[in-house]
């Protein structure tokens, strides 16, 4: 069972995509002696990967009951 719903995963992914865009348009700036430094892009990308994975888990569960189907076979030379 997925811990997070698809909607929550999509919301979080959207938030982190917006954060990545904000960092891309200006990592640090200063106004009247006050400065703002945004989060590290590396950390934001890790969060993007995390939420993308959780979204894939939630979608997988919806499609096939939460099981990731994998097949194993042994080739034989006859």
PDB file of N, CA and C in Angstrom:
ATOM      1  N   UNK A   1       0.831  -1.179   0.000  1.00  0.00           N
ATOM      2  CA  UNK A   1       0.000   0.000   0.000  1.00  0.00           C
ATOM      3  C   UNK A   1       0.878   1.247   0.000  1.00  0.00           C
ATOM      4  N   UNK A   2       0.587   2.182  -0.871  1.00  0.00           N
ATOM      5  CA  UNK A   2       1.357   3.416  -0.961  1.00  0.00           C
ATOM      6  C   UNK A   2       1.075   4.282   0.263  1.00  0.00           C
ATOM      7  N   UNK A   3       2.100   4.882   0.789  1.00  0.00           N
ATOM      8  CA  UNK A   3       1.966   5.726   1.968  1.00  0.00           C
ATOM      9  C   UNK A   3       1.310   7.055   1.596  1.00  0.00           C
ATOM     10  N   UNK A   4       1.660   7.580   0.430  1.00  0.00           N
ATOM     11  CA  UNK A   4       1.141   8.870  -0.013  1.00  0.00           C
ATOM     12  C   UNK A   4       0.182   8.679  -1.184  1.00  0.00           C
ATOM     13  N   UNK A   5      -0.856   9.513  -1.229  1.00  0.00           N
ATOM     14  CA  UNK A   5      -1.800   9.450  -2.339  1.00  0.00           C
ATOM     15  C   UNK A   5      -1.186  10.088  -3.584  1.00  0.00           C
ATOM     16  N   UNK A   6      -1.781   9.782  -4.725  1.00  0.00           N
ATOM     17  CA  UNK A   6      -1.297  10.367  -5.981  1.00  0.00           C
ATOM     18  C   UNK A   6      -1.423  11.882  -5.957  1.00  0.00           C
ATOM     19  N   UNK A   7      -2.531  12.389  -5.402  1.00  0.00           N
ATOM     20  CA  UNK A   7      -2.750  13.829  -5.374  1.00  0.00           C
ATOM     21  C   UNK A   7      -1.693  14.532  -4.524  1.00  0.00           C
ATOM     22  N   UNK A   8      -1.381  13.959  -3.365  1.00  0.00           N
ATOM     23  CA  UNK A   8      -0.358  14.549  -2.495  1.00  0.00           C
ATOM     24  C   UNK A   8       0.996  14.537  -3.192  1.00  0.00           C
ATOM     25  N   UNK A   9       1.325  13.440  -3.845  1.00  0.00           N
ATOM     26  CA  UNK A   9       2.601  13.340  -4.565  1.00  0.00           C
ATOM     27  C   UNK A   9       2.671  14.378  -5.677  1.00  0.00           C
ATOM     28  N   UNK A  10       1.580  14.553  -6.404  1.00  0.00           N
ATOM     29  CA  UNK A  10       1.563  15.553  -7.478  1.00  0.00           C
ATOM     30  C   UNK A  10       1.724  16.963  -6.924  1.00  0.00           C
ATOM     31  N   UNK A  11       1.066  17.249  -5.788  1.00  0.00           N
ATOM     32  CA  UNK A  11       1.188  18.569  -5.165  1.00  0.00           C
ATOM     33  C   UNK A  11       2.626  18.837  -4.743  1.00  0.00           C
ATOM     34  N   UNK A  12       3.233  17.864  -4.079  1.00  0.00           N
ATOM     35  CA  UNK A  12       4.609  18.035  -3.602  1.00  0.00           C
ATOM     36  C   UNK A  12       5.578  18.171  -4.775  1.00  0.00           C
ATOM     37  N   UNK A  13       5.368  17.388  -5.803  1.00  0.00           N
ATOM     38  CA  UNK A  13       6.212  17.468  -6.991  1.00  0.00           C
ATOM     39  C   UNK A  13       6.091  18.851  -7.632  1.00  0.00           C
ATOM     40  N   UNK A  14       4.879  19.376  -7.677  1.00  0.00           N
ATOM     41  CA  UNK A  14       4.650  20.704  -8.235  1.00  0.00           C
ATOM     42  C   UNK A  14       5.367  21.774  -7.400  1.00  0.00           C
ATOM     43  N   UNK A  15       5.322  21.644  -6.081  1.00  0.00           N
ATOM     44  CA  UNK A  15       5.998  22.592  -5.181  1.00  0.00           C
ATOM     45  C   UNK A  15       7.506  22.576  -5.417  1.00  0.00           C
ATOM     46  N   UNK A  16       8.071  21.372  -5.517  1.00  0.00           N
ATOM     47  CA  UNK A  16       9.523  21.269  -5.702  1.00  0.00           C
ATOM     48  C   UNK A  16       9.947  21.716  -7.096  1.00  0.00           C
ATOM     49  N   UNK A  17       9.082  21.532  -8.088  1.00  0.00           N
ATOM     50  CA  UNK A  17       9.390  22.055  -9.423  1.00  0.00           C
ATOM     51  C   UNK A  17       9.408  23.580  -9.406  1.00  0.00           C
ATOM     52  N   UNK A  18       8.481  24.178  -8.659  1.00  0.00           N
ATOM     53  CA  UNK A  18       8.461  25.639  -8.516  1.00  0.00           C
ATOM     54  C   UNK A  18       9.712  26.119  -7.790  1.00  0.00           C
ATOM     55  N   UNK A  19      10.155  25.372  -6.788  1.00  0.00           N
ATOM     56  CA  UNK A  19      11.374  25.731  -6.058  1.00  0.00           C
ATOM     57  C   UNK A  19      12.589  25.673  -6.981  1.00  0.00           C
ATOM     58  N   UNK A  20      12.650  24.643  -7.828  1.00  0.00           N
ATOM     59  CA  UNK A  20      13.755  24.538  -8.773  1.00  0.00           C
ATOM     60  C   UNK A  20      13.760  25.719  -9.738  1.00  0.00           C
ATOM     61  N   UNK A  21      12.581  26.115 -10.183  1.00  0.00           N
ATOM     62  CA  UNK A  21      12.481  27.256 -11.090  1.00  0.00           C
ATOM     63  C   UNK A  21      12.917  28.550 -10.395  1.00  0.00           C
ATOM     64  N   UNK A  22      12.533  28.712  -9.144  1.00  0.00           N
ATOM     65  CA  UNK A  22      12.923  29.911  -8.392  1.00  0.00           C
ATOM     66  C   UNK A  22      14.434  29.985  -8.216  1.00  0.00           C
ATOM     67  N   UNK A  23      15.051  28.847  -7.957  1.00  0.00           N
ATOM     68  CA  UNK A  23      16.506  28.806  -7.807  1.00  0.00           C
ATOM     69  C   UNK A  23      17.176  29.122  -9.138  1.00  0.00           C
ATOM     70  N   UNK A  24      16.607  28.606 -10.218  1.00  0.00           N
ATOM     71  CA  UNK A  24      17.203  28.833 -11.535  1.00  0.00           C
ATOM     72  C   UNK A  24      17.153  30.301 -11.946  1.00  0.00           C
ATOM     73  N   UNK A  25      16.148  31.035 -11.469  1.00  0.00           N
ATOM     74  CA  UNK A  25      16.035  32.437 -11.855  1.00  0.00           C
ATOM     75  C   UNK A  25      16.809  33.378 -10.943  1.00  0.00           C
ATOM     76  N   UNK A  26      17.288  32.900  -9.828  1.00  0.00           N
ATOM     77  CA  UNK A  26      18.089  33.747  -8.945  1.00  0.00           C
ATOM     78  C   UNK A  26      18.384  33.045  -7.642  1.00  0.00           C
ATOM     79  N   UNK A  27      19.588  32.557  -7.490  1.00  0.00           N
ATOM     80  CA  UNK A  27      19.969  31.815  -6.290  1.00  0.00           C
ATOM     81  C   UNK A  27      20.092  32.738  -5.078  1.00  0.00           C
ATOM     82  N   UNK A  28      20.651  33.918  -5.281  1.00  0.00           N
ATOM     83  CA  UNK A  28      20.875  34.838  -4.175  1.00  0.00           C
ATOM     84  C   UNK A  28      20.676  36.273  -4.666  1.00  0.00           C
ATOM     85  N   UNK A  29      20.031  37.080  -3.840  1.00  0.00           N
ATOM     86  CA  UNK A  29      19.938  38.490  -4.176  1.00  0.00           C
ATOM     87  C   UNK A  29      19.886  39.324  -2.899  1.00  0.00           C
ATOM     88  N   UNK A  30      20.124  40.626  -3.059  1.00  0.00           N
ATOM     89  CA  UNK A  30      20.204  41.522  -1.924  1.00  0.00           C
ATOM     90  C   UNK A  30      19.411  42.794  -2.218  1.00  0.00           C
ATOM     91  N   UNK A  31      18.608  43.227  -1.255  1.00  0.00           N
ATOM     92  CA  UNK A  31      17.824  44.454  -1.371  1.00  0.00           C
ATOM     93  C   UNK A  31      18.000  45.248  -0.076  1.00  0.00           C
ATOM     94  N   UNK A  32      18.469  46.470  -0.195  1.00  0.00           N
ATOM     95  CA  UNK A  32      18.632  47.377   0.936  1.00  0.00           C
ATOM     96  C   UNK A  32      19.363  46.727   2.119  1.00  0.00           C
ATOM     97  N   UNK A  33      20.448  46.065   1.840  1.00  0.00           N
ATOM     98  CA  UNK A  33      21.253  45.464   2.900  1.00  0.00           C
ATOM     99  C   UNK A  33      20.746  44.124   3.408  1.00  0.00           C
ATOM    100  N   UNK A  34      19.585  43.691   2.966  1.00  0.00           N
ATOM    101  CA  UNK A  34      19.045  42.387   3.359  1.00  0.00           C
ATOM    102  C   UNK A  34      19.270  41.414   2.206  1.00  0.00           C
ATOM    103  N   UNK A  35      19.633  40.198   2.529  1.00  0.00           N
ATOM    104  CA  UNK A  35      19.902  39.237   1.468  1.00  0.00           C
ATOM    105  C   UNK A  35      19.050  37.984   1.643  1.00  0.00           C
ATOM    106  N   UNK A  36      18.807  37.331   0.535  1.00  0.00           N
ATOM    107  CA  UNK A  36      18.065  36.079   0.522  1.00  0.00           C
ATOM    108  C   UNK A  36      18.868  35.060  -0.275  1.00  0.00           C
ATOM    109  N   UNK A  37      19.066  33.906   0.320  1.00  0.00           N
ATOM    110  CA  UNK A  37      19.728  32.805  -0.367  1.00  0.00           C
ATOM    111  C   UNK A  37      18.763  31.633  -0.396  1.00  0.00           C
ATOM    112  N   UNK A  38      18.507  31.141  -1.573  1.00  0.00           N
ATOM    113  CA  UNK A  38      17.585  30.022  -1.711  1.00  0.00           C
ATOM    114  C   UNK A  38      18.301  28.710  -1.427  1.00  0.00           C
ATOM    115  N   UNK A  39      17.520  27.654  -1.352  1.00  0.00           N
ATOM    116  CA  UNK A  39      18.054  26.324  -1.066  1.00  0.00           C
ATOM    117  C   UNK A  39      19.013  25.866  -2.157  1.00  0.00           C
ATOM    118  N   UNK A  40      19.791  24.876  -1.827  1.00  0.00           N
ATOM    119  CA  UNK A  40      20.757  24.313  -2.757  1.00  0.00           C
ATOM    120  C   UNK A  40      20.032  23.507  -3.834  1.00  0.00           C
ATOM    121  N   UNK A  41      20.409  23.702  -5.069  1.00  0.00           N
ATOM    122  CA  UNK A  41      19.768  23.021  -6.189  1.00  0.00           C
ATOM    123  C   UNK A  41      19.904  21.506  -6.082  1.00  0.00           C
ATOM    124  N   UNK A  42      21.020  21.037  -5.564  1.00  0.00           N
ATOM    125  CA  UNK A  42      21.240  19.597  -5.388  1.00  0.00           C
ATOM    126  C   UNK A  42      20.166  19.001  -4.465  1.00  0.00           C
ATOM    127  N   UNK A  43      19.873  19.676  -3.355  1.00  0.00           N
ATOM    128  CA  UNK A  43      18.853  19.186  -2.420  1.00  0.00           C
ATOM    129  C   UNK A  43      17.466  19.192  -3.052  1.00  0.00           C
ATOM    130  N   UNK A  44      17.173  20.215  -3.822  1.00  0.00           N
ATOM    131  CA  UNK A  44      15.873  20.301  -4.478  1.00  0.00           C
ATOM    132  C   UNK A  44      15.726  19.168  -5.484  1.00  0.00           C
ATOM    133  N   UNK A  45      16.762  18.873  -6.221  1.00  0.00           N
ATOM    134  CA  UNK A  45      16.679  17.777  -7.203  1.00  0.00           C
ATOM    135  C   UNK A  45      16.520  16.423  -6.523  1.00  0.00           C
ATOM    136  N   UNK A  46      17.129  16.246  -5.350  1.00  0.00           N
ATOM    137  CA  UNK A  46      16.924  15.005  -4.593  1.00  0.00           C
ATOM    138  C   UNK A  46      15.458  14.865  -4.189  1.00  0.00           C
ATOM    139  N   UNK A  47      14.855  15.959  -3.755  1.00  0.00           N
ATOM    140  CA  UNK A  47      13.440  15.938  -3.388  1.00  0.00           C
ATOM    141  C   UNK A  47      12.559  15.663  -4.605  1.00  0.00           C
ATOM    142  N   UNK A  48      12.923  16.228  -5.750  1.00  0.00           N
ATOM    143  CA  UNK A  48      12.173  15.958  -6.983  1.00  0.00           C
ATOM    144  C   UNK A  48      12.203  14.473  -7.318  1.00  0.00           C
ATOM    145  N   UNK A  49      13.373  13.865  -7.214  1.00  0.00           N
ATOM    146  CA  UNK A  49      13.492  12.429  -7.486  1.00  0.00           C
ATOM    147  C   UNK A  49      12.666  11.620  -6.495  1.00  0.00           C
ATOM    148  N   UNK A  50      12.695  12.026  -5.227  1.00  0.00           N
ATOM    149  CA  UNK A  50      11.946  11.323  -4.185  1.00  0.00           C
ATOM    150  C   UNK A  50      10.455  11.344  -4.489  1.00  0.00           C
ATOM    151  N   UNK A  51       9.907  12.552  -4.757  1.00  0.00           N
ATOM    152  CA  UNK A  51       8.467  12.662  -4.983  1.00  0.00           C
ATOM    153  C   UNK A  51       8.049  12.043  -6.315  1.00  0.00           C
ATOM    154  N   UNK A  52       8.925  12.070  -7.313  1.00  0.00           N
ATOM    155  CA  UNK A  52       8.618  11.394  -8.572  1.00  0.00           C
ATOM    156  C   UNK A  52       8.524   9.882  -8.341  1.00  0.00           C
ATOM    157  N   UNK A  53       9.408   9.355  -7.516  1.00  0.00           N
ATOM    158  CA  UNK A  53       9.367   7.930  -7.177  1.00  0.00           C
ATOM    159  C   UNK A  53       8.114   7.560  -6.414  1.00  0.00           C
ATOM    160  N   UNK A  54       7.736   8.404  -5.463  1.00  0.00           N
ATOM    161  CA  UNK A  54       6.519   8.142  -4.689  1.00  0.00           C
ATOM    162  C   UNK A  54       5.278   8.217  -5.570  1.00  0.00           C
ATOM    163  N   UNK A  55       5.277   9.145  -6.523  1.00  0.00           N
ATOM    164  CA  UNK A  55       4.158   9.234  -7.461  1.00  0.00           C
ATOM    165  C   UNK A  55       4.097   7.975  -8.323  1.00  0.00           C
ATOM    166  N   UNK A  56       5.233   7.489  -8.769  1.00  0.00           N
ATOM    167  CA  UNK A  56       5.262   6.257  -9.566  1.00  0.00           C
ATOM    168  C   UNK A  56       4.749   5.071  -8.750  1.00  0.00           C
ATOM    169  N   UNK A  57       5.104   5.014  -7.459  1.00  0.00           N
ATOM    170  CA  UNK A  57       4.600   3.944  -6.589  1.00  0.00           C
ATOM    171  C   UNK A  57       3.078   4.009  -6.476  1.00  0.00           C
ATOM    172  N   UNK A  58       2.559   5.213  -6.251  1.00  0.00           N
ATOM    173  CA  UNK A  58       1.116   5.372  -6.097  1.00  0.00           C
ATOM    174  C   UNK A  58       0.388   5.009  -7.387  1.00  0.00           C
ATOM    175  N   UNK A  59       0.933   5.410  -8.528  1.00  0.00           N
ATOM    176  CA  UNK A  59       0.311   5.065  -9.805  1.00  0.00           C
ATOM    177  C   UNK A  59       0.389   3.570 -10.069  1.00  0.00           C
ATOM    178  N   UNK A  60       1.504   2.953  -9.694  1.00  0.00           N
ATOM    179  CA  UNK A  60       1.666   1.515  -9.880  1.00  0.00           C
ATOM    180  C   UNK A  60       0.645   0.754  -9.044  1.00  0.00           C
ATOM    181  N   UNK A  61       0.452   1.235  -7.819  1.00  0.00           N
ATOM    182  CA  UNK A  61      -0.521   0.566  -6.959  1.00  0.00           C
ATOM    183  C   UNK A  61      -1.929   0.668  -7.529  1.00  0.00           C
ATOM    184  N   UNK A  62      -2.235   1.817  -8.087  1.00  0.00           N
ATOM    185  CA  UNK A  62      -3.566   2.007  -8.667  1.00  0.00           C
ATOM    186  C   UNK A  62      -3.762   1.094  -9.881  1.00  0.00           C
ATOM    187  N   UNK A  63      -2.717   0.919 -10.683  1.00  0.00           N
ATOM    188  CA  UNK A  63      -2.833   0.142 -11.911  1.00  0.00           C
ATOM    189  C   UNK A  63      -2.867  -1.361 -11.665  1.00  0.00           C
ATOM    190  N   UNK A  64      -1.987  -1.851 -10.805  1.00  0.00           N
ATOM    191  CA  UNK A  64      -1.919  -3.307 -10.646  1.00  0.00           C
ATOM    192  C   UNK A  64      -1.869  -3.753  -9.189  1.00  0.00           C
ATOM    193  N   UNK A  65      -2.554  -3.055  -8.340  1.00  0.00           N
ATOM    194  CA  UNK A  65      -2.684  -3.495  -6.956  1.00  0.00           C
ATOM    195  C   UNK A  65      -1.430  -3.336  -6.127  1.00  0.00           C
ATOM    196  N   UNK A  66      -0.486  -2.550  -6.576  1.00  0.00           N
ATOM    197  CA  UNK A  66       0.705  -2.292  -5.787  1.00  0.00           C
ATOM    198  C   UNK A  66       1.868  -3.218  -6.058  1.00  0.00           C
ATOM    199  N   UNK A  67       1.678  -4.151  -6.943  1.00  0.00           N
ATOM    200  CA  UNK A  67       2.757  -5.072  -7.246  1.00  0.00           C
ATOM    201  C   UNK A  67       3.535  -4.612  -8.465  1.00  0.00           C
ATOM    202  N   UNK A  68       4.815  -4.661  -8.353  1.00  0.00           N
ATOM    203  CA  UNK A  68       5.658  -4.394  -9.510  1.00  0.00           C
ATOM    204  C   UNK A  68       5.931  -5.746 -10.148  1.00  0.00           C
ATOM    205  N   UNK A  69       5.509  -5.880 -11.361  1.00  0.00           N
ATOM    206  CA  UNK A  69       5.628  -7.186 -12.010  1.00  0.00           C
ATOM    207  C   UNK A  69       7.020  -7.359 -12.604  1.00  0.00           C
ATOM    208  N   UNK A  70       7.614  -8.457 -12.247  1.00  0.00           N
ATOM    209  CA  UNK A  70       8.923  -8.801 -12.788  1.00  0.00           C
ATOM    210  C   UNK A  70       8.896 -10.289 -13.122  1.00  0.00           C
ATOM    211  N   UNK A  71       9.508 -10.622 -14.204  1.00  0.00           N
ATOM    212  CA  UNK A  71       9.542 -12.005 -14.639  1.00  0.00           C
ATOM    213  C   UNK A  71      10.980 -12.471 -14.676  1.00  0.00           C
ATOM    214  N   UNK A  72      11.170 -13.710 -14.321  1.00  0.00           N
ATOM    215  CA  UNK A  72      12.498 -14.298 -14.311  1.00  0.00           C
ATOM    216  C   UNK A  72      12.438 -15.564 -15.166  1.00  0.00           C
ATOM    217  N   UNK A  73      13.409 -15.693 -16.006  1.00  0.00           N
ATOM    218  CA  UNK A  73      13.463 -16.925 -16.795  1.00  0.00           C
ATOM    219  C   UNK A  73      14.923 -17.343 -16.940  1.00  0.00           C
ATOM    220  N   UNK A  74      15.072 -18.613 -17.186  1.00  0.00           N
ATOM    221  CA  UNK A  74      16.406 -19.180 -17.373  1.00  0.00           C
ATOM    222  C   UNK A  74      16.463 -19.738 -18.791  1.00  0.00           C
ATOM    223  N   UNK A  75      17.306 -19.166 -19.626  1.00  0.00           N
ATOM    224  CA  UNK A  75      17.390 -19.691 -20.989  1.00  0.00           C
ATOM    225  C   UNK A  75      18.080 -21.073 -20.990  1.00  0.00           C
ATOM    226  N   UNK A  76      17.599 -21.940 -21.839  1.00  0.00           N
ATOM    227  CA  UNK A  76      18.183 -23.287 -21.935  1.00  0.00           C
ATOM    228  C   UNK A  76      18.563 -23.564 -23.373  1.00  0.00           C
ATOM    229  N   UNK A  77      19.660 -24.200 -23.526  1.00  0.00           N
ATOM    230  CA  UNK A  77      20.110 -24.609 -24.842  1.00  0.00           C
ATOM    231  C   UNK A  77      19.721 -26.062 -25.032  1.00  0.00           C
ATOM    232  N   UNK A  78      18.800 -26.307 -25.915  1.00  0.00           N
ATOM    233  CA  UNK A  78      18.310 -27.688 -26.101  1.00  0.00           C
ATOM    234  C   UNK A  78      18.880 -28.259 -27.360  1.00  0.00           C
TER     235      UNK A  78
END
